[in-house]
Amino acid sequence: MAKDVLVTANRIKGRKKLMRITMIISCCIFAVLTVVFIILAFLFNGGKFTISLDNNDDLSTSLALFDNLEYKEVKRKLYADEIEFMDNISVKWLPEDIDSDKYEGSHNGDNYIAYTFYLGNTGVQTVNYWYEVVIDDVIKNVDEAVRIMIFRNGERTVYAKKNADTKKEEEGTVAFYDNEISSKEHIAVLEEVKDFKPLDIDRFTIVVWIEGDDPDCINAIIGGDIKMHMNIREEHILPNVNRIEKKESEEDNE
């Protein structure tokens, strides 16, 4: 009887020791994972999607950013609210009125980022301007299935990376410009707007999501991440020198 009690006590003691070891290992793993998560969150989720005017000190800028049409508080940079998690969705799930006048600034929804802002010409000269969306960094090739929808004055364009297999544009999209800036950065969208006159205002809505119907939206991109921002730069229109010289030459001949 005493032997049975001793064996049972040893088993209980061994079980408790094993539980303590298991608990310590679990805590260590949890701590490591927590640290890794914090690092990844800081590097890739900490930055917000931004829209900024190019800081060209050589030119007196005529462009101004603002996210409220009534107050028109001029800013050099705008910050869109981030979302903690983005699952894949279909473009069909986006609200039909996502670019309506009732939205200004951030108006994110389930699994998509949406931001509406205005660009105005506050100067006295007509200018051209370029807007670009730069992808700063990508983890696990999540950019293969990302969509960037841009409304400019109600006109919609959806941009996406070309299909990885066919190398053709995804249905209903314009292919990324895909000009590489560095080993990590590349330009996804690059567009020019001409003859932007004084007092003109362009309204933009930017929407970003992961397209679940994209053939490249596969399990391999789960846990991926992407960072991007938008730049707007002004291009001053120079007078047509050749035309002026020709006119002066004709006047001299007369």
Protein backbone atom coordinates (compact mmCIF):
# COMPACT_ATOMS: atom_id res chain seq x y z
CA MET A 1 0.00 0.00 0.00
CA ALA A 2 2.85 2.41 0.94
CA LYS A 3 4.55 1.59 -2.36
CA ASP A 4 1.44 2.51 -4.31
CA VAL A 5 1.18 5.82 -2.46
CA LEU A 6 4.86 6.58 -3.19
CA VAL A 7 4.46 5.83 -6.91
CA THR A 8 1.36 8.01 -7.12
CA ALA A 9 3.11 10.88 -5.29
CA ASN A 10 6.09 10.66 -7.68
CA ARG A 11 3.74 10.73 -10.67
CA ILE A 12 1.95 13.82 -9.35
CA LYS A 13 5.28 15.50 -8.63
CA GLY A 14 6.55 14.68 -12.13
CA ARG A 15 3.31 15.92 -13.71
CA LYS A 16 3.54 19.24 -11.83
CA LYS A 17 7.17 19.64 -12.90
CA LEU A 18 6.24 18.98 -16.53
CA MET A 19 3.40 21.50 -16.31
CA ARG A 20 5.78 24.14 -14.91
CA ILE A 21 8.27 23.52 -17.72
CA THR A 22 5.49 23.65 -20.31
CA MET A 23 4.21 26.90 -18.81
CA ILE A 24 7.69 28.48 -18.88
CA ILE A 25 8.22 27.44 -22.51
CA SER A 26 4.78 28.75 -23.49
CA CYS A 27 5.47 32.09 -21.81
CA CYS A 28 8.81 32.38 -23.58
CA ILE A 29 7.24 31.60 -26.97
CA PHE A 30 4.45 34.10 -26.31
CA ALA A 31 6.97 36.77 -25.33
CA VAL A 32 9.02 36.16 -28.47
CA LEU A 33 5.93 36.27 -30.69
CA THR A 34 4.77 39.44 -28.97
CA VAL A 35 8.11 41.13 -29.60
CA VAL A 36 8.08 40.00 -33.25
CA PHE A 37 4.52 41.27 -33.66
CA ILE A 38 5.42 44.64 -32.13
CA ILE A 39 8.42 44.97 -34.44
CA LEU A 40 6.38 44.11 -37.52
CA ALA A 41 3.58 46.42 -36.44
CA PHE A 42 6.06 49.24 -35.94
CA LEU A 43 7.77 48.72 -39.29
CA PHE A 44 4.81 48.00 -41.50
CA ASN A 45 1.53 48.92 -39.82
CA GLY A 46 2.71 51.98 -37.94
CA GLY A 47 2.89 54.27 -40.96
CA LYS A 48 -0.29 55.81 -42.31
CA PHE A 49 -1.16 56.32 -45.97
CA THR A 50 -0.19 59.93 -46.70
CA ILE A 51 -0.85 62.44 -49.48
CA SER A 52 1.74 65.19 -49.77
CA LEU A 53 2.81 68.04 -52.03
CA ASP A 54 6.31 67.86 -53.42
CA ASN A 55 8.59 70.20 -51.47
CA ASN A 56 10.30 72.01 -54.33
CA ASP A 57 12.08 75.03 -52.89
CA ASP A 58 13.01 76.30 -56.35
CA LEU A 59 9.40 76.99 -57.28
CA SER A 60 6.71 79.07 -55.64
CA THR A 61 3.92 76.55 -55.35
CA SER A 62 0.40 77.29 -56.49
CA LEU A 63 -1.09 74.02 -55.24
CA ALA A 64 -2.83 73.49 -51.91
CA LEU A 65 -4.21 70.38 -50.21
CA PHE A 66 -7.27 70.31 -47.96
CA ASP A 67 -9.76 67.68 -46.86
CA ASN A 68 -12.74 69.93 -46.13
CA LEU A 69 -14.35 71.92 -48.93
CA GLU A 70 -16.09 74.36 -46.57
CA TYR A 71 -13.14 75.43 -44.41
CA LYS A 72 -10.31 74.77 -46.89
CA GLU A 73 -7.58 74.54 -44.26
CA VAL A 74 -4.46 74.37 -46.42
CA LYS A 75 -1.97 71.59 -45.61
CA ARG A 76 1.24 70.24 -47.12
CA LYS A 77 0.48 66.68 -46.05
CA LEU A 78 -2.69 64.72 -45.32
CA TYR A 79 -2.89 61.53 -43.22
CA ALA A 80 -5.42 58.78 -43.85
CA ASP A 81 -6.56 56.67 -40.87
CA GLU A 82 -5.09 53.18 -40.86
CA ILE A 83 -6.96 49.93 -40.24
CA GLU A 84 -5.61 47.17 -38.03
CA PHE A 85 -6.44 44.28 -40.34
CA MET A 86 -7.37 43.92 -44.00
CA ASP A 87 -8.90 40.72 -45.37
CA ASN A 88 -9.56 40.16 -49.06
CA ILE A 89 -12.87 41.43 -50.45
CA SER A 90 -14.44 41.96 -53.86
CA VAL A 91 -14.74 45.31 -55.59
CA LYS A 92 -18.45 44.53 -55.72
CA TRP A 93 -18.59 44.81 -51.92
CA LEU A 94 -17.46 48.43 -51.86
CA PRO A 95 -20.21 51.01 -51.25
CA GLU A 96 -21.65 52.39 -54.46
CA ASP A 97 -21.50 55.92 -53.02
CA ILE A 98 -17.89 55.67 -51.84
CA ASP A 99 -17.04 58.85 -53.81
CA SER A 100 -20.17 60.80 -52.90
CA ASP A 101 -20.08 64.37 -51.55
CA LYS A 102 -21.03 63.19 -48.06
CA TYR A 103 -17.49 61.85 -47.57
CA GLU A 104 -14.45 63.95 -46.74
CA GLY A 105 -11.17 62.86 -45.17
CA SER A 106 -10.95 59.26 -43.93
CA HIS A 107 -13.99 57.03 -44.41
CA ASN A 108 -12.56 53.52 -44.13
CA GLY A 109 -14.82 50.50 -44.08
CA ASP A 110 -14.53 46.77 -43.45
CA ASN A 111 -11.28 45.68 -45.10
CA TYR A 112 -10.61 48.79 -47.17
CA ILE A 113 -9.00 52.22 -46.80
CA ALA A 114 -10.81 55.23 -48.27
CA TYR A 115 -9.76 58.88 -48.18
CA THR A 116 -11.26 61.93 -49.91
CA PHE A 117 -9.41 65.22 -50.35
CA TYR A 118 -9.17 68.29 -52.57
CA LEU A 119 -6.37 69.87 -54.56
CA GLY A 120 -6.72 73.57 -55.40
CA ASN A 121 -4.80 76.07 -57.50
CA THR A 122 -4.39 79.08 -55.22
CA GLY A 123 -1.93 80.86 -57.49
CA VAL A 124 -2.37 83.23 -60.41
CA GLN A 125 -0.90 80.99 -63.12
CA THR A 126 -2.20 77.93 -64.94
CA VAL A 127 -0.06 74.89 -64.11
CA ASN A 128 0.24 71.21 -64.86
CA TYR A 129 0.66 68.69 -62.05
CA TRP A 130 1.55 65.03 -61.63
CA TYR A 131 0.23 62.64 -59.01
CA GLU A 132 1.88 59.36 -58.16
CA VAL A 133 1.30 56.48 -55.75
CA VAL A 134 4.57 55.01 -54.49
CA ILE A 135 4.74 51.55 -52.93
CA ASP A 136 7.38 51.85 -50.21
CA ASP A 137 7.64 48.23 -49.12
CA VAL A 138 5.93 44.87 -49.60
CA ILE A 139 5.90 41.68 -47.54
CA LYS A 140 5.01 38.28 -49.04
CA ASN A 141 4.09 39.74 -52.46
CA VAL A 142 0.77 41.08 -51.21
CA ASP A 143 0.95 43.74 -53.94
CA GLU A 144 0.05 41.02 -56.45
CA ALA A 145 -3.59 41.29 -55.32
CA VAL A 146 -3.81 44.91 -54.14
CA ARG A 147 -6.14 47.34 -55.88
CA ILE A 148 -5.78 51.13 -55.90
CA MET A 149 -8.93 52.95 -56.98
CA ILE A 150 -8.65 56.67 -57.72
CA PHE A 151 -11.59 58.95 -58.38
CA ARG A 152 -10.71 62.35 -59.85
CA ASN A 153 -13.73 64.60 -60.15
CA GLY A 154 -15.95 61.53 -60.24
CA GLU A 155 -13.98 59.69 -62.93
CA ARG A 156 -12.87 56.28 -61.65
CA THR A 157 -9.71 54.33 -62.51
CA VAL A 158 -8.64 51.08 -60.83
CA TYR A 159 -4.94 50.19 -60.85
CA ALA A 160 -3.45 46.73 -60.26
CA LYS A 161 -0.30 44.76 -60.87
CA LYS A 162 -0.26 42.64 -64.03
CA ASN A 163 -1.20 38.97 -63.69
CA ALA A 164 1.82 37.01 -62.50
CA ASP A 165 1.29 34.22 -65.05
CA THR A 166 -0.13 35.92 -68.15
CA LYS A 167 1.72 39.24 -67.66
CA LYS A 168 -1.48 40.98 -68.83
CA GLU A 169 -3.66 43.59 -67.13
CA GLU A 170 -6.22 42.25 -64.67
CA GLU A 171 -9.80 42.63 -65.88
CA GLY A 172 -11.19 46.14 -65.41
CA THR A 173 -7.85 47.63 -64.32
CA VAL A 174 -4.96 49.73 -65.56
CA ALA A 175 -1.57 48.10 -64.99
CA PHE A 176 0.76 49.56 -62.37
CA TYR A 177 3.25 52.00 -63.84
CA ASP A 178 5.81 49.83 -62.01
CA ASN A 179 8.82 52.11 -62.35
CA GLU A 180 11.41 50.93 -59.81
CA ILE A 181 12.86 53.63 -57.57
CA SER A 182 14.98 51.33 -55.41
CA SER A 183 15.18 47.67 -54.46
CA LYS A 184 12.00 48.10 -52.39
CA GLU A 185 10.23 51.20 -53.71
CA HIS A 186 8.43 51.48 -57.01
CA ILE A 187 5.82 53.76 -58.58
CA ALA A 188 2.44 52.09 -59.00
CA VAL A 189 0.48 55.07 -60.35
CA LEU A 190 1.73 58.05 -62.34
CA GLU A 191 -0.67 60.48 -64.02
CA GLU A 192 -0.45 64.04 -65.40
CA VAL A 193 -3.16 66.69 -65.21
CA LYS A 194 -2.77 69.60 -67.63
CA ASP A 195 -4.05 73.19 -67.63
CA PHE A 196 -4.98 73.41 -63.96
CA LYS A 197 -6.21 77.00 -63.84
CA PRO A 198 -6.29 79.47 -60.92
CA LEU A 199 -9.18 78.76 -58.52
CA ASP A 200 -9.68 75.27 -60.04
CA ILE A 201 -10.33 72.49 -57.50
CA ASP A 202 -9.93 68.77 -58.18
CA ARG A 203 -11.66 66.28 -55.90
CA PHE A 204 -9.91 62.95 -55.22
CA THR A 205 -11.02 59.77 -53.49
CA ILE A 206 -8.42 57.04 -52.95
CA VAL A 207 -9.55 53.48 -52.10
CA VAL A 208 -7.16 50.59 -51.34
CA TRP A 209 -8.11 46.95 -50.79
CA ILE A 210 -7.04 43.35 -51.48
CA GLU A 211 -9.06 41.91 -54.36
CA GLY A 212 -10.27 38.41 -53.49
CA ASP A 213 -11.20 37.64 -57.11
CA ASP A 214 -7.65 38.29 -58.29
CA PRO A 215 -6.04 34.99 -59.43
CA ASP A 216 -2.91 36.04 -57.52
CA CYS A 217 -4.84 36.31 -54.24
CA ILE A 218 -3.59 33.00 -52.84
CA ASN A 219 -2.75 31.58 -49.41
CA ALA A 220 0.91 32.46 -49.89
CA ILE A 221 0.19 36.17 -49.33
CA ILE A 222 -1.59 35.61 -45.99
CA GLY A 223 0.23 37.65 -43.33
CA GLY A 224 1.68 39.98 -45.94
CA ASP A 225 1.77 43.74 -45.70
CA ILE A 226 2.23 46.81 -47.86
CA LYS A 227 3.20 50.46 -47.31
CA MET A 228 2.44 53.22 -49.80
CA HIS A 229 2.00 56.98 -50.11
CA MET A 230 0.86 59.53 -52.68
CA ASN A 231 2.87 62.49 -53.98
CA ILE A 232 1.63 65.49 -55.97
CA ARG A 233 4.11 67.74 -57.74
CA GLU A 234 3.60 70.93 -59.68
CA GLU A 235 4.90 71.60 -63.17
CA HIS A 236 5.07 75.23 -64.23
CA ILE A 237 4.08 75.90 -67.83
CA LEU A 238 6.79 77.77 -69.70
CA PRO A 239 5.93 80.04 -72.63
CA ASN A 240 6.42 78.60 -76.11
CA VAL A 241 9.79 80.19 -76.90
CA ASN A 242 9.90 78.95 -80.50
CA ARG A 243 6.51 80.46 -81.25
CA ILE A 244 7.53 83.83 -79.75
CA GLU A 245 10.84 83.87 -81.70
CA LYS A 246 9.02 83.01 -84.93
CA LYS A 247 6.51 85.80 -84.40
CA GLU A 248 9.29 88.32 -83.69
CA SER A 249 11.16 87.16 -86.79
CA GLU A 250 8.08 87.64 -88.96
CA GLU A 251 7.59 91.14 -87.56
CA ASP A 252 11.21 92.01 -88.32
CA ASN A 253 10.86 90.83 -91.93
CA GLU A 254 7.84 93.05 -92.40
